[in-house]
Amino acid sequence: NISEAQYPQSLADMLSKLEIARKECMETEGWLKLILSS
């Protein structure tokens, strides 16, 4: 998503891609916590 945001169709498109990347980053942290716990 960060790669896609390098060539956006618009500022709104860039924002959307970066917001998705941020959510995916939080998900990655969640999986890391699960891996630690297990």
All heavy atoms as atom14 arrays in JSON, in Angstrom:
{
  "sequence": "NISEAQYPQSLADMLSKLEIARKECMETEGWLKLILSS",
  "atom14_mask": [
    [1, 1, 1, 1, 1, 1, 1, 1, 0, 0, 0, 0, 0, 0],
    [1, 1, 1, 1, 1, 1, 1, 1, 0, 0, 0, 0, 0, 0],
    [1, 1, 1, 1, 1, 1, 0, 0, 0, 0, 0, 0, 0, 0],
    [1, 1, 1, 1, 1, 1, 1, 1, 1, 0, 0, 0, 0, 0],
    [1, 1, 1, 1, 1, 0, 0, 0, 0, 0, 0, 0, 0, 0],
    [1, 1, 1, 1, 1, 1, 1, 1, 1, 0, 0, 0, 0, 0],
    [1, 1, 1, 1, 1, 1, 1, 1, 1, 1, 1, 1, 0, 0],
    [1, 1, 1, 1, 1, 1, 1, 0, 0, 0, 0, 0, 0, 0],
    [1, 1, 1, 1, 1, 1, 1, 1, 1, 0, 0, 0, 0, 0],
    [1, 1, 1, 1, 1, 1, 0, 0, 0, 0, 0, 0, 0, 0],
    [1, 1, 1, 1, 1, 1, 1, 1, 0, 0, 0, 0, 0, 0],
    [1, 1, 1, 1, 1, 0, 0, 0, 0, 0, 0, 0, 0, 0],
    [1, 1, 1, 1, 1, 1, 1, 1, 0, 0, 0, 0, 0, 0],
    [1, 1, 1, 1, 1, 1, 1, 1, 0, 0, 0, 0, 0, 0],
    [1, 1, 1, 1, 1, 1, 1, 1, 0, 0, 0, 0, 0, 0],
    [1, 1, 1, 1, 1, 1, 0, 0, 0, 0, 0, 0, 0, 0],
    [1, 1, 1, 1, 1, 1, 1, 1, 1, 0, 0, 0, 0, 0],
    [1, 1, 1, 1, 1, 1, 1, 1, 0, 0, 0, 0, 0, 0],
    [1, 1, 1, 1, 1, 1, 1, 1, 1, 0, 0, 0, 0, 0],
    [1, 1, 1, 1, 1, 1, 1, 1, 0, 0, 0, 0, 0, 0],
    [1, 1, 1, 1, 1, 0, 0, 0, 0, 0, 0, 0, 0, 0],
    [1, 1, 1, 1, 1, 1, 1, 1, 1, 1, 1, 0, 0, 0],
    [1, 1, 1, 1, 1, 1, 1, 1, 1, 0, 0, 0, 0, 0],
    [1, 1, 1, 1, 1, 1, 1, 1, 1, 0, 0, 0, 0, 0],
    [1, 1, 1, 1, 1, 1, 0, 0, 0, 0, 0, 0, 0, 0],
    [1, 1, 1, 1, 1, 1, 1, 1, 0, 0, 0, 0, 0, 0],
    [1, 1, 1, 1, 1, 1, 1, 1, 1, 0, 0, 0, 0, 0],
    [1, 1, 1, 1, 1, 1, 1, 0, 0, 0, 0, 0, 0, 0],
    [1, 1, 1, 1, 1, 1, 1, 1, 1, 0, 0, 0, 0, 0],
    [1, 1, 1, 1, 0, 0, 0, 0, 0, 0, 0, 0, 0, 0],
    [1, 1, 1, 1, 1, 1, 1, 1, 1, 1, 1, 1, 1, 1],
    [1, 1, 1, 1, 1, 1, 1, 1, 0, 0, 0, 0, 0, 0],
    [1, 1, 1, 1, 1, 1, 1, 1, 1, 0, 0, 0, 0, 0],
    [1, 1, 1, 1, 1, 1, 1, 1, 0, 0, 0, 0, 0, 0],
    [1, 1, 1, 1, 1, 1, 1, 1, 0, 0, 0, 0, 0, 0],
    [1, 1, 1, 1, 1, 1, 1, 1, 0, 0, 0, 0, 0, 0],
    [1, 1, 1, 1, 1, 1, 0, 0, 0, 0, 0, 0, 0, 0],
    [1, 1, 1, 1, 1, 1, 0, 0, 0, 0, 0, 0, 0, 0]
  ],
  "atom14_positions": [
    [[0.82, -1.21, 0.0], [0.0, 0.0, 0.0], [0.86, 1.27, 0.0], [0.5, 2.25, -0.65], [-0.99, -0.02, 1.17], [-2.2, -0.84, 0.85], [-3.04, -0.42, 0.07], [-2.27, -2.04, 1.4], [0.0, 0.0, 0.0], [0.0, 0.0, 0.0], [0.0, 0.0, 0.0], [0.0, 0.0, 0.0], [0.0, 0.0, 0.0], [0.0, 0.0, 0.0]],
    [[1.97, 1.24, 0.7], [2.87, 2.39, 0.66], [3.46, 2.54, -0.75], [3.59, 3.65, -1.26], [3.97, 2.27, 1.74], [3.34, 2.4, 3.14], [5.06, 3.32, 1.53], [4.26, 2.04, 4.28], [0.0, 0.0, 0.0], [0.0, 0.0, 0.0], [0.0, 0.0, 0.0], [0.0, 0.0, 0.0], [0.0, 0.0, 0.0], [0.0, 0.0, 0.0]],
    [[3.77, 1.42, -1.38], [4.26, 1.45, -2.77], [3.23, 2.06, -3.7], [3.55, 2.93, -4.52], [4.59, 0.03, -3.25], [5.66, -0.5, -2.53], [0.0, 0.0, 0.0], [0.0, 0.0, 0.0], [0.0, 0.0, 0.0], [0.0, 0.0, 0.0], [0.0, 0.0, 0.0], [0.0, 0.0, 0.0], [0.0, 0.0, 0.0], [0.0, 0.0, 0.0]],
    [[1.97, 1.63, -3.56], [0.9, 2.18, -4.41], [0.71, 3.67, -4.17], [0.39, 4.41, -5.1], [-0.42, 1.45, -4.13], [-0.5, 0.08, -4.76], [-1.89, -0.5, -4.62], [-2.87, 0.17, -5.0], [-1.99, -1.63, -4.12], [0.0, 0.0, 0.0], [0.0, 0.0, 0.0], [0.0, 0.0, 0.0], [0.0, 0.0, 0.0], [0.0, 0.0, 0.0]],
    [[0.89, 4.1, -2.95], [0.7, 5.52, -2.61], [1.76, 6.42, -3.26], [1.58, 7.63, -3.31], [0.71, 5.71, -1.1], [0.0, 0.0, 0.0], [0.0, 0.0, 0.0], [0.0, 0.0, 0.0], [0.0, 0.0, 0.0], [0.0, 0.0, 0.0], [0.0, 0.0, 0.0], [0.0, 0.0, 0.0], [0.0, 0.0, 0.0], [0.0, 0.0, 0.0]],
    [[2.83, 5.82, -3.78], [3.87, 6.62, -4.43], [3.36, 7.25, -5.73], [3.87, 8.28, -6.16], [5.09, 5.75, -4.74], [5.72, 5.06, -3.53], [6.2, 6.03, -2.48], [7.07, 6.86, -2.73], [5.63, 5.93, -1.3], [0.0, 0.0, 0.0], [0.0, 0.0, 0.0], [0.0, 0.0, 0.0], [0.0, 0.0, 0.0], [0.0, 0.0, 0.0]],
    [[2.36, 6.61, -6.36], [1.82, 7.11, -7.63], [0.29, 7.12, -7.55], [-0.38, 6.36, -8.24], [2.31, 6.25, -8.8], [3.8, 6.31, -8.94], [4.62, 5.32, -8.41], [4.41, 7.4, -9.59], [6.0, 5.4, -8.51], [5.79, 7.48, -9.7], [6.58, 6.48, -9.16], [7.94, 6.56, -9.26], [0.0, 0.0, 0.0], [0.0, 0.0, 0.0]],
    [[-0.26, 8.01, -6.73], [-1.71, 8.03, -6.51], [-2.45, 8.7, -7.66], [-1.88, 9.49, -8.42], [-1.85, 8.86, -5.24], [-0.71, 9.83, -5.32], [0.43, 9.03, -5.94], [0.0, 0.0, 0.0], [0.0, 0.0, 0.0], [0.0, 0.0, 0.0], [0.0, 0.0, 0.0], [0.0, 0.0, 0.0], [0.0, 0.0, 0.0], [0.0, 0.0, 0.0]],
    [[-3.74, 8.38, -7.75], [-4.59, 9.05, -8.72], [-4.98, 10.44, -8.22], [-5.29, 11.32, -9.01], [-5.85, 8.21, -8.97], [-5.54, 6.89, -9.62], [-6.75, 5.98, -9.69], [-7.67, 6.08, -8.89], [-6.74, 5.1, -10.66], [0.0, 0.0, 0.0], [0.0, 0.0, 0.0], [0.0, 0.0, 0.0], [0.0, 0.0, 0.0], [0.0, 0.0, 0.0]],
    [[-4.96, 10.6, -6.9], [-5.33, 11.87, -6.28], [-4.8, 11.87, -4.84], [-4.33, 10.84, -4.35], [-6.85, 12.02, -6.26], [-7.42, 11.01, -5.44], [0.0, 0.0, 0.0], [0.0, 0.0, 0.0], [0.0, 0.0, 0.0], [0.0, 0.0, 0.0], [0.0, 0.0, 0.0], [0.0, 0.0, 0.0], [0.0, 0.0, 0.0], [0.0, 0.0, 0.0]],
    [[-4.9, 13.02, -4.19], [-4.51, 13.08, -2.77], [-5.4, 12.17, -1.92], [-4.92, 11.51, -1.0], [-4.61, 14.51, -2.24], [-3.38, 15.39, -2.37], [-3.66, 16.79, -1.8], [-2.18, 14.78, -1.7], [0.0, 0.0, 0.0], [0.0, 0.0, 0.0], [0.0, 0.0, 0.0], [0.0, 0.0, 0.0], [0.0, 0.0, 0.0], [0.0, 0.0, 0.0]],
    [[-6.68, 12.11, -2.26], [-7.6, 11.24, -1.53], [-7.21, 9.77, -1.69], [-7.29, 8.98, -0.74], [-9.03, 11.47, -2.0], [0.0, 0.0, 0.0], [0.0, 0.0, 0.0], [0.0, 0.0, 0.0], [0.0, 0.0, 0.0], [0.0, 0.0, 0.0], [0.0, 0.0, 0.0], [0.0, 0.0, 0.0], [0.0, 0.0, 0.0], [0.0, 0.0, 0.0]],
    [[-6.77, 9.4, -2.88], [-6.31, 8.03, -3.14], [-5.06, 7.73, -2.32], [-4.93, 6.66, -1.71], [-6.03, 7.84, -4.64], [-5.55, 6.45, -4.98], [-6.2, 5.47, -4.54], [-4.53, 6.33, -5.68], [0.0, 0.0, 0.0], [0.0, 0.0, 0.0], [0.0, 0.0, 0.0], [0.0, 0.0, 0.0], [0.0, 0.0, 0.0], [0.0, 0.0, 0.0]],
    [[-4.14, 8.69, -2.29], [-2.92, 8.52, -1.5], [-3.27, 8.33, -0.02], [-2.73, 7.44, 0.65], [-1.98, 9.72, -1.66], [-0.71, 9.62, -0.82], [0.3, 11.11, -0.86], [1.08, 10.9, -2.45], [0.0, 0.0, 0.0], [0.0, 0.0, 0.0], [0.0, 0.0, 0.0], [0.0, 0.0, 0.0], [0.0, 0.0, 0.0], [0.0, 0.0, 0.0]],
    [[-4.17, 9.17, 0.47], [-4.59, 9.08, 1.87], [-5.19, 7.7, 2.15], [-4.85, 7.07, 3.16], [-5.6, 10.18, 2.19], [-6.18, 10.17, 3.6], [-5.08, 10.36, 4.65], [-7.24, 11.26, 3.74], [0.0, 0.0, 0.0], [0.0, 0.0, 0.0], [0.0, 0.0, 0.0], [0.0, 0.0, 0.0], [0.0, 0.0, 0.0], [0.0, 0.0, 0.0]],
    [[-6.03, 7.22, 1.27], [-6.66, 5.92, 1.45], [-5.62, 4.81, 1.53], [-5.69, 3.94, 2.42], [-7.63, 5.64, 0.29], [-8.17, 4.35, 0.41], [0.0, 0.0, 0.0], [0.0, 0.0, 0.0], [0.0, 0.0, 0.0], [0.0, 0.0, 0.0], [0.0, 0.0, 0.0], [0.0, 0.0, 0.0], [0.0, 0.0, 0.0], [0.0, 0.0, 0.0]],
    [[-4.65, 4.82, 0.65], [-3.59, 3.79, 0.65], [-2.78, 3.84, 1.94], [-2.45, 2.81, 2.52], [-2.66, 3.97, -0.55], [-3.3, 3.83, -1.9], [-3.75, 2.43, -2.19], [-4.22, 2.31, -3.62], [-5.63, 2.07, -3.77], [0.0, 0.0, 0.0], [0.0, 0.0, 0.0], [0.0, 0.0, 0.0], [0.0, 0.0, 0.0], [0.0, 0.0, 0.0]],
    [[-2.45, 5.04, 2.39], [-1.66, 5.18, 3.61], [-2.46, 4.78, 4.85], [-1.91, 4.2, 5.8], [-1.1, 6.59, 3.74], [-0.1, 7.01, 2.65], [0.37, 8.43, 2.88], [1.08, 6.05, 2.55], [0.0, 0.0, 0.0], [0.0, 0.0, 0.0], [0.0, 0.0, 0.0], [0.0, 0.0, 0.0], [0.0, 0.0, 0.0], [0.0, 0.0, 0.0]],
    [[-3.76, 5.05, 4.84], [-4.61, 4.63, 5.96], [-4.73, 3.11, 6.01], [-4.71, 2.52, 7.09], [-5.99, 5.27, 5.87], [-5.97, 6.75, 6.22], [-7.31, 7.44, 6.02], [-8.12, 6.97, 5.16], [-7.56, 8.44, 6.71], [0.0, 0.0, 0.0], [0.0, 0.0, 0.0], [0.0, 0.0, 0.0], [0.0, 0.0, 0.0], [0.0, 0.0, 0.0]],
    [[-4.84, 2.48, 4.84], [-4.87, 1.02, 4.79], [-3.55, 0.45, 5.3], [-3.54, -0.5, 6.09], [-5.17, 0.52, 3.36], [-6.61, 0.87, 2.98], [-4.94, -0.99, 3.25], [-6.93, 0.69, 1.5], [0.0, 0.0, 0.0], [0.0, 0.0, 0.0], [0.0, 0.0, 0.0], [0.0, 0.0, 0.0], [0.0, 0.0, 0.0], [0.0, 0.0, 0.0]],
    [[-2.44, 1.04, 4.89], [-1.12, 0.59, 5.35], [-1.02, 0.69, 6.87], [-0.49, -0.2, 7.53], [-0.01, 1.41, 4.68], [0.0, 0.0, 0.0], [0.0, 0.0, 0.0], [0.0, 0.0, 0.0], [0.0, 0.0, 0.0], [0.0, 0.0, 0.0], [0.0, 0.0, 0.0], [0.0, 0.0, 0.0], [0.0, 0.0, 0.0], [0.0, 0.0, 0.0]],
    [[-1.57, 1.77, 7.42], [-1.54, 1.96, 8.88], [-2.35, 0.86, 9.58], [-1.92, 0.31, 10.59], [-2.06, 3.35, 9.22], [-1.91, 3.72, 10.68], [-2.2, 5.16, 10.94], [-3.5, 5.57, 10.4], [-3.99, 6.78, 10.51], [-3.32, 7.73, 11.12], [-5.17, 7.09, 10.0], [0.0, 0.0, 0.0], [0.0, 0.0, 0.0], [0.0, 0.0, 0.0]],
    [[-3.51, 0.54, 9.04], [-4.34, -0.53, 9.62], [-3.63, -1.88, 9.53], [-3.65, -2.68, 10.46], [-5.7, -0.59, 8.91], [-6.6, 0.56, 9.31], [-7.87, 0.7, 8.51], [-8.54, -0.54, 8.05], [-9.85, -0.31, 7.41], [0.0, 0.0, 0.0], [0.0, 0.0, 0.0], [0.0, 0.0, 0.0], [0.0, 0.0, 0.0], [0.0, 0.0, 0.0]],
    [[-2.99, -2.14, 8.4], [-2.26, -3.39, 8.23], [-1.06, -3.47, 9.18], [-0.71, -4.55, 9.66], [-1.8, -3.54, 6.78], [-2.92, -3.69, 5.77], [-3.66, -5.02, 5.86], [-3.12, -6.0, 6.41], [-4.79, -5.08, 5.35], [0.0, 0.0, 0.0], [0.0, 0.0, 0.0], [0.0, 0.0, 0.0], [0.0, 0.0, 0.0], [0.0, 0.0, 0.0]],
    [[-0.48, -2.33, 9.46], [0.63, -2.27, 10.41], [0.15, -2.65, 11.81], [0.8, -3.4, 12.53], [1.23, -0.86, 10.39], [2.89, -0.76, 11.03], [0.0, 0.0, 0.0], [0.0, 0.0, 0.0], [0.0, 0.0, 0.0], [0.0, 0.0, 0.0], [0.0, 0.0, 0.0], [0.0, 0.0, 0.0], [0.0, 0.0, 0.0], [0.0, 0.0, 0.0]],
    [[-1.03, -2.14, 12.18], [-1.62, -2.5, 13.48], [-1.95, -4.0, 13.52], [-1.75, -4.66, 14.54], [-2.89, -1.69, 13.74], [-2.64, -0.27, 14.19], [-1.65, -0.12, 15.7], [-2.63, -1.03, 16.86], [0.0, 0.0, 0.0], [0.0, 0.0, 0.0], [0.0, 0.0, 0.0], [0.0, 0.0, 0.0], [0.0, 0.0, 0.0], [0.0, 0.0, 0.0]],
    [[-2.43, -4.53, 12.4], [-2.72, -5.96, 12.34], [-1.44, -6.77, 12.52], [-1.42, -7.78, 13.24], [-3.39, -6.32, 11.02], [-3.75, -7.79, 10.93], [-4.42, -8.2, 9.63], [-5.01, -7.34, 8.93], [-4.36, -9.41, 9.33], [0.0, 0.0, 0.0], [0.0, 0.0, 0.0], [0.0, 0.0, 0.0], [0.0, 0.0, 0.0], [0.0, 0.0, 0.0]],
    [[-0.38, -6.33, 11.89], [0.92, -7.01, 12.03], [1.35, -7.04, 13.49], [1.8, -8.07, 14.0], [1.99, -6.33, 11.15], [1.56, -6.38, 9.78], [3.35, -7.01, 11.29], [0.0, 0.0, 0.0], [0.0, 0.0, 0.0], [0.0, 0.0, 0.0], [0.0, 0.0, 0.0], [0.0, 0.0, 0.0], [0.0, 0.0, 0.0], [0.0, 0.0, 0.0]],
    [[1.18, -5.92, 14.18], [1.51, -5.87, 15.61], [0.65, -6.87, 16.4], [1.14, -7.52, 17.33], [1.31, -4.46, 16.17], [2.4, -3.51, 15.78], [2.29, -2.17, 16.49], [2.34, -2.15, 17.73], [2.15, -1.15, 15.79], [0.0, 0.0, 0.0], [0.0, 0.0, 0.0], [0.0, 0.0, 0.0], [0.0, 0.0, 0.0], [0.0, 0.0, 0.0]],
    [[-0.61, -6.98, 16.04], [-1.49, -7.93, 16.71], [-1.02, -9.36, 16.54], [-0.99, -10.14, 17.49], [0.0, 0.0, 0.0], [0.0, 0.0, 0.0], [0.0, 0.0, 0.0], [0.0, 0.0, 0.0], [0.0, 0.0, 0.0], [0.0, 0.0, 0.0], [0.0, 0.0, 0.0], [0.0, 0.0, 0.0], [0.0, 0.0, 0.0], [0.0, 0.0, 0.0]],
    [[-0.64, -9.7, 15.32], [-0.12, -11.05, 15.07], [1.18, -11.29, 15.82], [1.42, -12.38, 16.34], [0.06, -11.3, 13.57], [-1.23, -11.45, 12.84], [-1.74, -10.61, 11.88], [-2.21, -12.48, 13.02], [-2.97, -11.07, 11.47], [-3.27, -12.21, 12.14], [-2.28, -13.61, 13.83], [-4.4, -13.04, 12.04], [-3.4, -14.43, 13.73], [-4.44, -14.14, 12.86]],
    [[2.02, -10.26, 15.9], [3.27, -10.39, 16.67], [2.97, -10.71, 18.13], [3.64, -11.55, 18.74], [4.09, -9.11, 16.58], [4.93, -8.9, 15.33], [5.46, -7.47, 15.28], [6.07, -9.91, 15.28], [0.0, 0.0, 0.0], [0.0, 0.0, 0.0], [0.0, 0.0, 0.0], [0.0, 0.0, 0.0], [0.0, 0.0, 0.0], [0.0, 0.0, 0.0]],
    [[1.98, -10.03, 18.7], [1.6, -10.28, 20.09], [1.12, -11.71, 20.27], [1.45, -12.37, 21.26], [0.51, -9.3, 20.54], [1.0, -7.89, 20.71], [-0.14, -6.94, 21.04], [0.35, -5.5, 20.99], [-0.75, -4.53, 21.1], [0.0, 0.0, 0.0], [0.0, 0.0, 0.0], [0.0, 0.0, 0.0], [0.0, 0.0, 0.0], [0.0, 0.0, 0.0]],
    [[0.35, -12.2, 19.3], [-0.13, -13.58, 19.37], [1.03, -14.57, 19.29], [1.07, -15.55, 20.04], [-1.13, -13.84, 18.23], [-1.8, -15.21, 18.24], [-2.68, -15.36, 19.47], [-2.62, -15.39, 16.97], [0.0, 0.0, 0.0], [0.0, 0.0, 0.0], [0.0, 0.0, 0.0], [0.0, 0.0, 0.0], [0.0, 0.0, 0.0], [0.0, 0.0, 0.0]],
    [[1.97, -14.3, 18.42], [3.14, -15.17, 18.28], [3.96, -15.17, 19.56], [4.44, -16.21, 20.01], [3.99, -14.77, 17.05], [3.21, -15.04, 15.76], [5.33, -15.49, 17.03], [3.81, -14.43, 14.51], [0.0, 0.0, 0.0], [0.0, 0.0, 0.0], [0.0, 0.0, 0.0], [0.0, 0.0, 0.0], [0.0, 0.0, 0.0], [0.0, 0.0, 0.0]],
    [[4.11, -14.01, 20.18], [4.81, -13.92, 21.46], [4.08, -14.74, 22.52], [4.69, -15.55, 23.23], [4.94, -12.47, 21.92], [5.52, -12.25, 23.32], [6.99, -12.66, 23.36], [5.35, -10.79, 23.74], [0.0, 0.0, 0.0], [0.0, 0.0, 0.0], [0.0, 0.0, 0.0], [0.0, 0.0, 0.0], [0.0, 0.0, 0.0], [0.0, 0.0, 0.0]],
    [[2.78, -14.56, 22.61], [1.96, -15.26, 23.62], [2.0, -16.77, 23.44], [1.92, -17.52, 24.42], [0.51, -14.79, 23.56], [0.42, -13.43, 23.86], [0.0, 0.0, 0.0], [0.0, 0.0, 0.0], [0.0, 0.0, 0.0], [0.0, 0.0, 0.0], [0.0, 0.0, 0.0], [0.0, 0.0, 0.0], [0.0, 0.0, 0.0], [0.0, 0.0, 0.0]],
    [[2.12, -17.22, 22.2], [2.14, -18.66, 21.94], [3.55, -19.25, 21.97], [3.73, -20.44, 21.7], [1.47, -18.96, 20.59], [2.21, -18.39, 19.53], [0.0, 0.0, 0.0], [0.0, 0.0, 0.0], [0.0, 0.0, 0.0], [0.0, 0.0, 0.0], [0.0, 0.0, 0.0], [0.0, 0.0, 0.0], [0.0, 0.0, 0.0], [0.0, 0.0, 0.0]]
  ]
}
